[in-house]
Amino acid sequence: MPDVLFYELISSIEPHRSRCFSKFPKSGNPIPVTEHVGALLRKEIETHEPCGLPSENLVDINYRFNPSLASGNYEFTENDIEAQKEIEEELNNDISNLINRSNSLGELFPDFHNKLRKEQKAYAQEVMGAVATDISGITTFLSKLEYPDGNVMPSEEWLNPSWAIFRWFQVQLLFAIDIASRYGILDEAHLTSKLRIKLEHDVLDSHYLIQGLLEKSFATKEKKLKGFFKLLCPEGMLVCENG
């Protein structure tokens, strides 16, 4: 189970939460949970080696779902609430980063926003195609990024689509282009609550997509995610309803 799915399940409202947890086995470690995308990125930056498949990077804990989660009577503890606050803070930070990425696309694609206003969807699709195919451009850009805590990025000669760092950046760009094509330049201080919820949904979806790309297999019903997966991993296995 992707860690992001567990978060979405545990933070959902009743009766949706109990309906989902009632389907899980009652044994310990009923479904292995993958490590967070952020943990995969840190691992690669620290080791300068690709992290491997998400299914090979599992959270090393023994756990058993609280029976109350399946009955609808679960009451969150102080630790649960604190953990959720930390995740929400991380989500807010990811939303800010995605907005900044969208607003600054002109740094990678000259005159991006002006061209987008004139050509709209055709130009957005053209840029997305470049993101999918310009492997050397992405590896060169990533290798020059500065990282906190004194770590340096892996060399561009090592980076390729098997790295979480590479897929993370590709996915960030696709979502940023999609946001720019829908909303133009965004002012985070004046986002509507409805748009903020949509951007949070994008952030969570991006984590699913990154792990699916690394596994080269993905299951989704969402049209946008199906399109992104096919674009970035045409050789991968896509499982979805109605083709």
C-alpha atoms as a PDB file:
ATOM      1  CA  MET A   1       0.000   0.000   0.000  1.00  0.00           C
ATOM      2  CA  PRO A   2       1.431   3.420  -0.882  1.00  0.00           C
ATOM      3  CA  ASP A   3       1.882   5.460   2.284  1.00  0.00           C
ATOM      4  CA  VAL A   4      -0.198   8.231   0.734  1.00  0.00           C
ATOM      5  CA  LEU A   5      -3.166   5.856   0.440  1.00  0.00           C
ATOM      6  CA  PHE A   6      -2.937   5.011   4.132  1.00  0.00           C
ATOM      7  CA  TYR A   7      -2.983   8.737   4.935  1.00  0.00           C
ATOM      8  CA  GLU A   8      -6.038   9.293   2.754  1.00  0.00           C
ATOM      9  CA  LEU A   9      -7.854   6.376   4.371  1.00  0.00           C
ATOM     10  CA  ILE A  10      -7.063   7.351   7.952  1.00  0.00           C
ATOM     11  CA  SER A  11      -7.998  11.006   7.343  1.00  0.00           C
ATOM     12  CA  SER A  12     -11.273  10.251   5.549  1.00  0.00           C
ATOM     13  CA  ILE A  13     -14.612  10.828   7.251  1.00  0.00           C
ATOM     14  CA  GLU A  14     -17.100   8.216   8.348  1.00  0.00           C
ATOM     15  CA  PRO A  15     -18.566   6.009   7.067  1.00  0.00           C
ATOM     16  CA  HIS A  16     -15.923   5.887   4.315  1.00  0.00           C
ATOM     17  CA  ARG A  17     -13.033   5.157   6.693  1.00  0.00           C
ATOM     18  CA  SER A  18     -14.640   2.183   8.440  1.00  0.00           C
ATOM     19  CA  ARG A  19     -15.898   0.729   5.147  1.00  0.00           C
ATOM     20  CA  CYS A  20     -12.334   0.654   3.821  1.00  0.00           C
ATOM     21  CA  PHE A  21     -10.656  -0.681   6.966  1.00  0.00           C
ATOM     22  CA  SER A  22     -13.296  -3.394   7.373  1.00  0.00           C
ATOM     23  CA  LYS A  23     -11.964  -4.960   4.172  1.00  0.00           C
ATOM     24  CA  PHE A  24      -8.433  -5.449   5.527  1.00  0.00           C
ATOM     25  CA  PRO A  25      -7.231  -8.690   7.175  1.00  0.00           C
ATOM     26  CA  LYS A  26      -7.218  -8.668  10.955  1.00  0.00           C
ATOM     27  CA  SER A  27      -3.660 -10.057  11.187  1.00  0.00           C
ATOM     28  CA  GLY A  28      -0.513  -8.083  12.012  1.00  0.00           C
ATOM     29  CA  ASN A  29       1.077  -6.221   9.057  1.00  0.00           C
ATOM     30  CA  PRO A  30      -1.982  -7.050   6.906  1.00  0.00           C
ATOM     31  CA  ILE A  31      -0.726  -4.957   3.975  1.00  0.00           C
ATOM     32  CA  PRO A  32       2.890  -3.752   3.654  1.00  0.00           C
ATOM     33  CA  VAL A  33       3.148   0.048   3.501  1.00  0.00           C
ATOM     34  CA  THR A  34       5.723   1.709   1.256  1.00  0.00           C
ATOM     35  CA  GLU A  35       8.065   4.424   2.422  1.00  0.00           C
ATOM     36  CA  HIS A  36       7.147   8.029   1.760  1.00  0.00           C
ATOM     37  CA  VAL A  37       8.357   9.556  -1.522  1.00  0.00           C
ATOM     38  CA  GLY A  38      10.386  12.048   0.512  1.00  0.00           C
ATOM     39  CA  ALA A  39      12.209   9.161   2.195  1.00  0.00           C
ATOM     40  CA  LEU A  40      13.051   7.661  -1.210  1.00  0.00           C
ATOM     41  CA  LEU A  41      14.462  10.987  -2.379  1.00  0.00           C
ATOM     42  CA  ARG A  42      16.584  11.390   0.762  1.00  0.00           C
ATOM     43  CA  LYS A  43      17.910   7.862   0.383  1.00  0.00           C
ATOM     44  CA  GLU A  44      19.067   8.545  -3.164  1.00  0.00           C
ATOM     45  CA  ILE A  45      20.694  11.856  -2.277  1.00  0.00           C
ATOM     46  CA  GLU A  46      22.544  10.314   0.656  1.00  0.00           C
ATOM     47  CA  THR A  47      23.708   7.165  -1.164  1.00  0.00           C
ATOM     48  CA  HIS A  48      23.919   8.424  -4.765  1.00  0.00           C
ATOM     49  CA  GLU A  49      22.236   5.207  -5.826  1.00  0.00           C
ATOM     50  CA  PRO A  50      18.706   4.618  -7.153  1.00  0.00           C
ATOM     51  CA  CYS A  51      16.331   3.576  -4.373  1.00  0.00           C
ATOM     52  CA  GLY A  52      14.838   0.688  -6.350  1.00  0.00           C
ATOM     53  CA  LEU A  53      11.176  -0.246  -6.539  1.00  0.00           C
ATOM     54  CA  PRO A  54       8.798   1.249  -3.958  1.00  0.00           C
ATOM     55  CA  SER A  55       7.620  -2.303  -3.241  1.00  0.00           C
ATOM     56  CA  GLU A  56      11.184  -3.019  -2.087  1.00  0.00           C
ATOM     57  CA  ASN A  57      11.181   0.012   0.244  1.00  0.00           C
ATOM     58  CA  LEU A  58       8.674  -0.878   2.936  1.00  0.00           C
ATOM     59  CA  VAL A  59       8.070   0.720   6.310  1.00  0.00           C
ATOM     60  CA  ASP A  60       9.883  -1.576   8.750  1.00  0.00           C
ATOM     61  CA  ILE A  61       7.333  -1.724  11.556  1.00  0.00           C
ATOM     62  CA  ASN A  62       5.016  -4.323  12.997  1.00  0.00           C
ATOM     63  CA  TYR A  63       1.482  -3.042  13.254  1.00  0.00           C
ATOM     64  CA  ARG A  64      -2.102  -4.158  13.465  1.00  0.00           C
ATOM     65  CA  PHE A  65      -5.007  -1.933  12.471  1.00  0.00           C
ATOM     66  CA  ASN A  66      -7.081  -0.890  15.478  1.00  0.00           C
ATOM     67  CA  PRO A  67     -10.407  -2.827  15.286  1.00  0.00           C
ATOM     68  CA  SER A  68     -12.250   0.443  15.944  1.00  0.00           C
ATOM     69  CA  LEU A  69     -11.137   1.692  12.524  1.00  0.00           C
ATOM     70  CA  ALA A  70     -13.381  -0.934  10.946  1.00  0.00           C
ATOM     71  CA  SER A  71     -16.315  -0.351  13.285  1.00  0.00           C
ATOM     72  CA  GLY A  72     -16.519   3.421  12.951  1.00  0.00           C
ATOM     73  CA  ASN A  73     -15.857   3.984  16.662  1.00  0.00           C
ATOM     74  CA  TYR A  74     -12.176   4.962  16.452  1.00  0.00           C
ATOM     75  CA  GLU A  75     -11.180   8.034  18.460  1.00  0.00           C
ATOM     76  CA  PHE A  76      -7.965   9.782  17.492  1.00  0.00           C
ATOM     77  CA  THR A  77      -5.285   9.953  20.173  1.00  0.00           C
ATOM     78  CA  GLU A  78      -3.109  13.005  20.798  1.00  0.00           C
ATOM     79  CA  ASN A  79      -0.280  11.249  18.934  1.00  0.00           C
ATOM     80  CA  ASP A  80      -2.600  10.614  15.965  1.00  0.00           C
ATOM     81  CA  ILE A  81      -3.635  14.266  15.878  1.00  0.00           C
ATOM     82  CA  GLU A  82      -0.024  15.443  16.112  1.00  0.00           C
ATOM     83  CA  ALA A  83       1.037  13.083  13.326  1.00  0.00           C
ATOM     84  CA  GLN A  84      -1.773  14.344  11.101  1.00  0.00           C
ATOM     85  CA  LYS A  85      -0.755  17.943  11.779  1.00  0.00           C
ATOM     86  CA  GLU A  86       2.796  17.156  10.661  1.00  0.00           C
ATOM     87  CA  ILE A  87       1.517  15.557   7.451  1.00  0.00           C
ATOM     88  CA  GLU A  88      -0.786  18.514   6.806  1.00  0.00           C
ATOM     89  CA  GLU A  89       2.149  20.899   7.264  1.00  0.00           C
ATOM     90  CA  GLU A  90       4.153  18.864   4.764  1.00  0.00           C
ATOM     91  CA  LEU A  91       1.217  18.931   2.339  1.00  0.00           C
ATOM     92  CA  ASN A  92       0.958  22.706   2.679  1.00  0.00           C
ATOM     93  CA  ASN A  93       4.672  22.973   1.958  1.00  0.00           C
ATOM     94  CA  ASP A  94       4.271  20.732  -1.095  1.00  0.00           C
ATOM     95  CA  ILE A  95       1.372  22.899  -2.318  1.00  0.00           C
ATOM     96  CA  SER A  96       3.544  26.005  -1.983  1.00  0.00           C
ATOM     97  CA  ASN A  97       6.373  24.336  -3.892  1.00  0.00           C
ATOM     98  CA  LEU A  98       4.000  23.224  -6.659  1.00  0.00           C
ATOM     99  CA  ILE A  99       2.594  26.744  -7.015  1.00  0.00           C
ATOM    100  CA  ASN A 100       6.120  28.174  -7.175  1.00  0.00           C
ATOM    101  CA  ARG A 101       7.082  25.562  -9.767  1.00  0.00           C
ATOM    102  CA  SER A 102       4.046  26.447 -11.859  1.00  0.00           C
ATOM    103  CA  ASN A 103       4.616  30.199 -11.610  1.00  0.00           C
ATOM    104  CA  SER A 104       8.314  29.883 -12.507  1.00  0.00           C
ATOM    105  CA  LEU A 105       8.006  27.584 -15.530  1.00  0.00           C
ATOM    106  CA  GLY A 106       9.347  30.437 -17.637  1.00  0.00           C
ATOM    107  CA  GLU A 107      12.777  29.760 -16.140  1.00  0.00           C
ATOM    108  CA  LEU A 108      12.842  26.385 -17.888  1.00  0.00           C
ATOM    109  CA  PHE A 109      10.693  27.225 -20.902  1.00  0.00           C
ATOM    110  CA  PRO A 110      11.324  30.833 -22.035  1.00  0.00           C
ATOM    111  CA  ASP A 111       8.236  33.044 -22.256  1.00  0.00           C
ATOM    112  CA  PHE A 112       6.138  30.074 -21.086  1.00  0.00           C
ATOM    113  CA  HIS A 113       3.139  31.956 -19.723  1.00  0.00           C
ATOM    114  CA  ASN A 114       2.894  34.338 -22.693  1.00  0.00           C
ATOM    115  CA  LYS A 115       2.978  31.431 -25.136  1.00  0.00           C
ATOM    116  CA  LEU A 116       0.457  29.528 -23.046  1.00  0.00           C
ATOM    117  CA  ARG A 117      -1.999  32.429 -23.199  1.00  0.00           C
ATOM    118  CA  LYS A 118      -1.721  32.507 -26.984  1.00  0.00           C
ATOM    119  CA  GLU A 119      -1.673  28.805 -27.807  1.00  0.00           C
ATOM    120  CA  GLN A 120      -3.318  27.294 -24.730  1.00  0.00           C
ATOM    121  CA  LYS A 121      -3.654  23.505 -24.677  1.00  0.00           C
ATOM    122  CA  ALA A 122      -1.549  22.835 -27.769  1.00  0.00           C
ATOM    123  CA  TYR A 123       1.478  24.540 -26.246  1.00  0.00           C
ATOM    124  CA  ALA A 124       0.954  22.869 -22.850  1.00  0.00           C
ATOM    125  CA  GLN A 125       0.918  19.459 -24.532  1.00  0.00           C
ATOM    126  CA  GLU A 126       4.061  20.336 -26.472  1.00  0.00           C
ATOM    127  CA  VAL A 127       5.918  21.215 -23.273  1.00  0.00           C
ATOM    128  CA  MET A 128       4.672  18.058 -21.532  1.00  0.00           C
ATOM    129  CA  GLY A 129       6.058  16.038 -24.428  1.00  0.00           C
ATOM    130  CA  ALA A 130       9.440  17.684 -23.918  1.00  0.00           C
ATOM    131  CA  VAL A 131       9.342  16.780 -20.227  1.00  0.00           C
ATOM    132  CA  ALA A 132       8.754  13.146 -21.170  1.00  0.00           C
ATOM    133  CA  THR A 133      11.506  12.907 -23.793  1.00  0.00           C
ATOM    134  CA  ASP A 134      14.306  15.323 -22.827  1.00  0.00           C
ATOM    135  CA  ILE A 135      16.136  12.939 -20.510  1.00  0.00           C
ATOM    136  CA  SER A 136      19.512  14.697 -20.743  1.00  0.00           C
ATOM    137  CA  GLY A 137      17.961  18.108 -20.080  1.00  0.00           C
ATOM    138  CA  ILE A 138      16.336  16.865 -16.878  1.00  0.00           C
ATOM    139  CA  THR A 139      19.450  15.058 -15.610  1.00  0.00           C
ATOM    140  CA  THR A 140      21.596  18.147 -16.263  1.00  0.00           C
ATOM    141  CA  PHE A 141      19.148  20.416 -14.426  1.00  0.00           C
ATOM    142  CA  LEU A 142      18.810  18.049 -11.446  1.00  0.00           C
ATOM    143  CA  SER A 143      22.555  17.558 -11.040  1.00  0.00           C
ATOM    144  CA  LYS A 144      22.975  21.317 -10.575  1.00  0.00           C
ATOM    145  CA  LEU A 145      20.363  21.692  -7.836  1.00  0.00           C
ATOM    146  CA  GLU A 146      21.583  22.640  -4.387  1.00  0.00           C
ATOM    147  CA  TYR A 147      20.413  20.490  -1.497  1.00  0.00           C
ATOM    148  CA  PRO A 148      20.402  21.442   2.201  1.00  0.00           C
ATOM    149  CA  ASP A 149      22.482  19.755   4.914  1.00  0.00           C
ATOM    150  CA  GLY A 150      25.640  19.728   2.809  1.00  0.00           C
ATOM    151  CA  ASN A 151      24.500  16.941   0.480  1.00  0.00           C
ATOM    152  CA  VAL A 152      25.138  17.164  -3.246  1.00  0.00           C
ATOM    153  CA  MET A 153      22.970  15.831  -6.032  1.00  0.00           C
ATOM    154  CA  PRO A 154      24.035  12.706  -7.925  1.00  0.00           C
ATOM    155  CA  SER A 155      25.981  13.257 -11.126  1.00  0.00           C
ATOM    156  CA  GLU A 156      23.991  13.728 -14.330  1.00  0.00           C
ATOM    157  CA  GLU A 157      25.821  10.708 -15.795  1.00  0.00           C
ATOM    158  CA  TRP A 158      24.173   8.488 -13.165  1.00  0.00           C
ATOM    159  CA  LEU A 159      20.645   9.885 -13.190  1.00  0.00           C
ATOM    160  CA  ASN A 160      17.968   8.278 -15.363  1.00  0.00           C
ATOM    161  CA  PRO A 161      14.226   7.435 -15.176  1.00  0.00           C
ATOM    162  CA  SER A 162      14.868   4.584 -12.723  1.00  0.00           C
ATOM    163  CA  TRP A 163      15.652   7.156 -10.007  1.00  0.00           C
ATOM    164  CA  ALA A 164      12.932   8.553  -7.733  1.00  0.00           C
ATOM    165  CA  ILE A 165      14.585  11.990  -8.043  1.00  0.00           C
ATOM    166  CA  PHE A 166      14.149  11.911 -11.814  1.00  0.00           C
ATOM    167  CA  ARG A 167      10.520  10.776 -11.683  1.00  0.00           C
ATOM    168  CA  TRP A 168       9.743  13.261  -8.910  1.00  0.00           C
ATOM    169  CA  PHE A 169      10.954  16.153 -11.066  1.00  0.00           C
ATOM    170  CA  GLN A 170       9.134  14.945 -14.191  1.00  0.00           C
ATOM    171  CA  VAL A 171       5.883  14.596 -12.272  1.00  0.00           C
ATOM    172  CA  GLN A 172       6.337  17.991 -10.599  1.00  0.00           C
ATOM    173  CA  LEU A 173       6.707  19.574 -14.023  1.00  0.00           C
ATOM    174  CA  LEU A 174       3.651  17.861 -15.503  1.00  0.00           C
ATOM    175  CA  PHE A 175       1.428  18.931 -12.626  1.00  0.00           C
ATOM    176  CA  ALA A 176       2.898  22.446 -12.727  1.00  0.00           C
ATOM    177  CA  ILE A 177       2.174  22.738 -16.461  1.00  0.00           C
ATOM    178  CA  ASP A 178      -1.355  21.450 -15.930  1.00  0.00           C
ATOM    179  CA  ILE A 179      -1.951  23.991 -13.158  1.00  0.00           C
ATOM    180  CA  ALA A 180      -0.554  26.848 -15.265  1.00  0.00           C
ATOM    181  CA  SER A 181      -2.742  25.896 -18.218  1.00  0.00           C
ATOM    182  CA  ARG A 182      -5.848  25.838 -15.994  1.00  0.00           C
ATOM    183  CA  TYR A 183      -5.295  28.799 -13.689  1.00  0.00           C
ATOM    184  CA  GLY A 184      -2.378  30.883 -14.987  1.00  0.00           C
ATOM    185  CA  ILE A 185      -0.185  32.653 -12.409  1.00  0.00           C
ATOM    186  CA  LEU A 186      -1.404  31.882  -8.889  1.00  0.00           C
ATOM    187  CA  ASP A 187      -1.202  34.013  -5.762  1.00  0.00           C
ATOM    188  CA  GLU A 188      -0.992  31.561  -2.883  1.00  0.00           C
ATOM    189  CA  ALA A 189      -2.110  34.181  -0.364  1.00  0.00           C
ATOM    190  CA  HIS A 190      -5.465  34.513  -2.161  1.00  0.00           C
ATOM    191  CA  LEU A 191      -6.337  30.938  -3.096  1.00  0.00           C
ATOM    192  CA  THR A 192      -9.963  29.953  -2.664  1.00  0.00           C
ATOM    193  CA  SER A 193     -10.588  27.018  -0.339  1.00  0.00           C
ATOM    194  CA  LYS A 194     -11.935  25.043  -3.302  1.00  0.00           C
ATOM    195  CA  LEU A 195      -8.763  25.572  -5.342  1.00  0.00           C
ATOM    196  CA  ARG A 196      -6.546  24.755  -2.364  1.00  0.00           C
ATOM    197  CA  ILE A 197      -8.359  21.417  -1.977  1.00  0.00           C
ATOM    198  CA  LYS A 198      -7.772  20.722  -5.675  1.00  0.00           C
ATOM    199  CA  LEU A 199      -4.056  21.485  -5.320  1.00  0.00           C
ATOM    200  CA  GLU A 200      -3.811  19.210  -2.274  1.00  0.00           C
ATOM    201  CA  HIS A 201      -5.439  16.492  -4.368  1.00  0.00           C
ATOM    202  CA  ASP A 202      -2.794  17.105  -7.057  1.00  0.00           C
ATOM    203  CA  VAL A 203       0.015  16.761  -4.523  1.00  0.00           C
ATOM    204  CA  LEU A 204      -1.348  13.453  -3.236  1.00  0.00           C
ATOM    205  CA  ASP A 205      -1.908  12.207  -6.794  1.00  0.00           C
ATOM    206  CA  SER A 206       1.674  13.111  -7.679  1.00  0.00           C
ATOM    207  CA  HIS A 207       2.937  10.762  -4.959  1.00  0.00           C
ATOM    208  CA  TYR A 208       0.850   7.898  -6.326  1.00  0.00           C
ATOM    209  CA  LEU A 209       2.127   8.591  -9.833  1.00  0.00           C
ATOM    210  CA  ILE A 210       5.800   8.724  -8.821  1.00  0.00           C
ATOM    211  CA  GLN A 211       5.558   5.324  -7.162  1.00  0.00           C
ATOM    212  CA  GLY A 212       3.643   3.898 -10.123  1.00  0.00           C
ATOM    213  CA  LEU A 213       6.307   5.130 -12.533  1.00  0.00           C
ATOM    214  CA  LEU A 214       9.074   3.564 -10.461  1.00  0.00           C
ATOM    215  CA  GLU A 215       7.178   0.269 -10.373  1.00  0.00           C
ATOM    216  CA  LYS A 216       6.264   0.622 -14.074  1.00  0.00           C
ATOM    217  CA  SER A 217       2.714  -0.358 -13.147  1.00  0.00           C
ATOM    218  CA  PHE A 218      -0.182   1.838 -12.087  1.00  0.00           C
ATOM    219  CA  ALA A 219      -3.892   1.485 -11.335  1.00  0.00           C
ATOM    220  CA  THR A 220      -6.143   4.521 -11.603  1.00  0.00           C
ATOM    221  CA  LYS A 221      -9.504   5.679 -12.912  1.00  0.00           C
ATOM    222  CA  GLU A 222      -8.483   9.331 -13.292  1.00  0.00           C
ATOM    223  CA  LYS A 223      -8.098  10.570 -16.856  1.00  0.00           C
ATOM    224  CA  LYS A 224      -5.282  13.004 -16.062  1.00  0.00           C
ATOM    225  CA  LEU A 225      -3.225  10.403 -14.198  1.00  0.00           C
ATOM    226  CA  LYS A 226      -3.739   7.840 -16.947  1.00  0.00           C
ATOM    227  CA  GLY A 227      -2.482  10.370 -19.482  1.00  0.00           C
ATOM    228  CA  PHE A 228       0.552  11.302 -17.392  1.00  0.00           C
ATOM    229  CA  PHE A 229       1.501   7.662 -16.821  1.00  0.00           C
ATOM    230  CA  LYS A 230       1.205   6.765 -20.513  1.00  0.00           C
ATOM    231  CA  LEU A 231       3.280   9.802 -21.439  1.00  0.00           C
ATOM    232  CA  LEU A 232       6.115   9.112 -18.990  1.00  0.00           C
ATOM    233  CA  CYS A 233       6.047   5.310 -19.034  1.00  0.00           C
ATOM    234  CA  PRO A 234       4.550   4.068 -22.316  1.00  0.00           C
ATOM    235  CA  GLU A 235       6.024   0.612 -21.745  1.00  0.00           C
ATOM    236  CA  GLY A 236       4.453   0.305 -18.282  1.00  0.00           C
ATOM    237  CA  MET A 237       1.326  -1.591 -17.257  1.00  0.00           C
ATOM    238  CA  LEU A 238      -1.721   0.619 -16.734  1.00  0.00           C
ATOM    239  CA  VAL A 239      -4.745  -0.902 -15.019  1.00  0.00           C
ATOM    240  CA  CYS A 240      -7.955   1.093 -15.346  1.00  0.00           C
ATOM    241  CA  GLU A 241     -11.628   0.727 -16.057  1.00  0.00           C
ATOM    242  CA  ASN A 242     -12.878   1.248 -19.603  1.00  0.00           C
ATOM    243  CA  GLY A 243      -9.362   1.071 -21.068  1.00  0.00           C
END
